[in-house]
Amino acid sequence: MDCNSLVCFLLKSSQSINKFMKTKMIAIVFLAAELAIASSAEKLSAPNHGRIIDAVDPRAEFLISSDQKIEIRFLDAAGKAIAPTAQVVTVTMGDRTKPTTLLFIRVGDTLVSDRAIPAGKELPVVVKIQNGPDAKPVYAKFNLNLATCPTCSNAEYACACDH
């Protein structure tokens, strides 16, 4: 191969690689955009400014009421509250050496804890939800931070601004 042929070959190979890389980069950008749109479409906002629990179907909203009781509402795909059917909910929270277990009673379309939450501004929480007495339980674990978010004005445990 003479020098001119080698230079031409390398030049053409370089152009092919650049075209290939540009095509791949454009595909990656479009894929990322689709994922962002899909995840934002799936993100459900809490109708009462509580915390959405996605691990269970139907999704649930976890909310601390003004009387310091926990309210659980189940939500349809549009984010509207639906009546609980056979769901059984238990919340264990507070001091890990002496945790408090809350049971729930149905009040209209809401499950309300049998008593108020223990004192404290930041409490570890384990929510156990069963879609029926014989169903496999689903667990959601988080810290219940009752401070107010300065950006979205929700309690930090239900912050909607993803900071």
Protein backbone atom coordinates (compact mmCIF):
# COMPACT_ATOMS: atom_id res chain seq x y z
CA MET A 1 0.00 0.00 0.00
CA ASP A 2 1.37 3.41 -0.86
CA CYS A 3 1.20 6.38 1.49
CA ASN A 4 -1.73 8.03 -0.27
CA SER A 5 -3.83 4.88 -0.06
CA LEU A 6 -3.08 4.51 3.65
CA VAL A 7 -4.01 8.14 4.35
CA CYS A 8 -7.25 7.76 2.41
CA PHE A 9 -8.08 4.55 4.27
CA LEU A 10 -7.46 6.15 7.67
CA LEU A 11 -9.46 9.24 6.71
CA LYS A 12 -12.44 7.15 5.56
CA SER A 13 -12.24 4.95 8.67
CA SER A 14 -12.20 8.02 10.89
CA GLN A 15 -15.26 9.46 9.16
CA SER A 16 -17.12 6.15 9.52
CA ILE A 17 -16.28 5.96 13.23
CA ASN A 18 -17.38 9.57 13.78
CA LYS A 19 -20.68 8.93 11.98
CA PHE A 20 -21.22 5.76 14.04
CA MET A 21 -20.48 7.59 17.31
CA LYS A 22 -22.80 10.48 16.42
CA THR A 23 -25.60 8.03 15.67
CA LYS A 24 -25.08 6.27 19.01
CA MET A 25 -24.95 9.57 20.92
CA ILE A 26 -28.22 10.74 19.34
CA ALA A 27 -29.85 7.41 20.25
CA ILE A 28 -28.65 7.72 23.85
CA VAL A 29 -29.99 11.29 24.13
CA PHE A 30 -33.41 10.24 22.83
CA LEU A 31 -33.50 7.23 25.16
CA ALA A 32 -32.66 9.41 28.16
CA ALA A 33 -35.37 11.88 27.17
CA GLU A 34 -37.94 9.09 26.89
CA LEU A 35 -36.98 7.72 30.31
CA ALA A 36 -37.29 11.18 31.87
CA ILE A 37 -40.73 11.68 30.35
CA ALA A 38 -41.88 8.20 31.40
CA SER A 39 -40.67 8.58 34.98
CA SER A 40 -42.25 12.02 35.34
CA ALA A 41 -45.51 10.67 33.94
CA GLU A 42 -45.46 7.82 36.48
CA LYS A 43 -44.68 10.07 39.44
CA LEU A 44 -47.88 10.51 41.37
CA SER A 45 -48.39 13.59 43.49
CA ALA A 46 -49.99 13.10 46.87
CA PRO A 47 -53.45 14.67 46.96
CA ASN A 48 -53.12 15.59 50.66
CA HIS A 49 -49.38 16.44 50.59
CA GLY A 50 -48.37 13.19 52.25
CA ARG A 51 -45.75 10.62 51.25
CA ILE A 52 -46.51 8.26 48.37
CA ILE A 53 -45.72 4.60 49.02
CA ASP A 54 -45.07 3.06 45.59
CA ALA A 55 -44.09 -0.41 46.80
CA VAL A 56 -47.72 -1.50 47.09
CA ASP A 57 -50.50 -1.74 44.51
CA PRO A 58 -52.67 0.28 44.74
CA ARG A 59 -50.26 3.02 45.82
CA ALA A 60 -50.80 4.53 49.23
CA GLU A 61 -50.46 8.00 50.72
CA PHE A 62 -48.94 8.25 54.21
CA LEU A 63 -49.94 11.42 56.06
CA ILE A 64 -49.65 12.78 59.61
CA SER A 65 -52.90 14.52 60.53
CA SER A 66 -53.26 17.61 62.71
CA ASP A 67 -54.07 15.38 65.72
CA GLN A 68 -50.75 13.51 65.14
CA LYS A 69 -52.38 10.33 63.90
CA ILE A 70 -51.30 8.56 60.73
CA GLU A 71 -53.72 8.46 57.84
CA ILE A 72 -53.31 5.97 54.98
CA ARG A 73 -55.23 6.50 51.75
CA PHE A 74 -55.04 4.17 48.77
CA LEU A 75 -54.86 5.86 45.37
CA ASP A 76 -55.95 4.90 41.89
CA ALA A 77 -53.77 5.48 38.82
CA ALA A 78 -55.00 9.09 38.57
CA GLY A 79 -54.09 9.81 42.19
CA LYS A 80 -57.65 9.88 43.53
CA ALA A 81 -58.41 8.25 46.88
CA ILE A 82 -60.16 4.89 46.71
CA ALA A 83 -61.76 2.96 49.52
CA PRO A 84 -59.58 0.33 51.17
CA THR A 85 -60.80 -3.19 50.61
CA ALA A 86 -59.08 -5.94 52.57
CA GLN A 87 -55.79 -4.11 53.22
CA VAL A 88 -54.18 -4.57 56.61
CA VAL A 89 -51.73 -1.85 57.69
CA THR A 90 -49.35 -1.77 60.65
CA VAL A 91 -46.79 0.94 61.42
CA THR A 92 -43.84 0.39 63.74
CA MET A 93 -41.96 3.55 64.66
CA GLY A 94 -40.06 5.52 67.25
CA ASP A 95 -37.24 4.48 69.53
CA ARG A 96 -35.67 1.31 68.17
CA THR A 97 -35.08 -0.12 71.64
CA LYS A 98 -38.76 0.35 72.51
CA PRO A 99 -40.73 0.76 69.26
CA THR A 100 -44.37 1.81 69.08
CA THR A 101 -46.73 -0.26 66.95
CA LEU A 102 -49.81 1.45 65.54
CA LEU A 103 -52.84 -0.41 64.23
CA PHE A 104 -55.40 1.10 61.85
CA ILE A 105 -59.16 1.42 61.72
CA ARG A 106 -61.23 2.37 58.70
CA VAL A 107 -62.82 5.81 58.78
CA GLY A 108 -64.61 6.42 55.47
CA ASP A 109 -62.06 5.98 52.65
CA THR A 110 -59.11 6.34 55.02
CA LEU A 111 -57.26 4.07 57.42
CA VAL A 112 -56.46 6.01 60.62
CA SER A 113 -54.03 4.92 63.34
CA ASP A 114 -55.52 3.87 66.65
CA ARG A 115 -53.41 6.45 68.51
CA ALA A 116 -51.07 9.39 67.97
CA ILE A 117 -47.45 9.00 66.89
CA PRO A 118 -44.77 9.09 69.62
CA ALA A 119 -43.06 12.38 70.44
CA GLY A 120 -40.10 13.41 68.33
CA LYS A 121 -39.24 15.33 65.18
CA GLU A 122 -37.37 12.57 63.33
CA LEU A 123 -38.52 8.99 63.81
CA PRO A 124 -37.66 5.78 61.97
CA VAL A 125 -40.79 4.24 60.42
CA VAL A 126 -41.64 0.83 59.01
CA VAL A 127 -44.99 0.61 57.22
CA LYS A 128 -46.31 -2.91 56.63
CA ILE A 129 -49.14 -3.24 54.13
CA GLN A 130 -50.92 -6.45 53.21
CA ASN A 131 -53.57 -6.49 50.48
CA GLY A 132 -55.41 -9.13 52.46
CA PRO A 133 -54.90 -11.26 55.57
CA ASP A 134 -53.15 -14.02 53.58
CA ALA A 135 -51.27 -11.75 51.15
CA LYS A 136 -47.51 -11.30 51.25
CA PRO A 137 -46.69 -8.10 53.18
CA VAL A 138 -44.99 -5.13 51.52
CA TYR A 139 -42.69 -2.94 53.63
CA ALA A 140 -41.79 0.73 53.27
CA LYS A 141 -39.00 2.10 55.50
CA PHE A 142 -38.14 5.78 55.92
CA ASN A 143 -37.39 8.47 58.49
CA LEU A 144 -40.37 10.54 59.51
CA ASN A 145 -38.90 14.05 59.48
CA LEU A 146 -41.62 16.47 60.61
CA ALA A 147 -39.67 19.65 59.81
CA THR A 148 -41.16 21.83 57.06
CA CYS A 149 -39.38 21.93 53.71
CA PRO A 150 -38.48 25.53 52.90
CA THR A 151 -39.03 24.96 49.16
CA CYS A 152 -42.33 23.09 48.81
CA SER A 153 -43.86 23.77 52.28
CA ASN A 154 -44.63 20.07 52.84
CA ALA A 155 -43.24 18.21 55.81
CA GLU A 156 -39.80 16.82 54.91
CA TYR A 157 -41.07 13.21 55.05
CA ALA A 158 -43.42 14.13 52.17
CA CYS A 159 -41.17 16.61 50.36
CA ALA A 160 -42.14 16.95 46.69
CA CYS A 161 -39.17 18.96 45.43
CA ASP A 162 -36.60 16.10 45.39
CA HIS A 163 -33.76 18.04 47.00
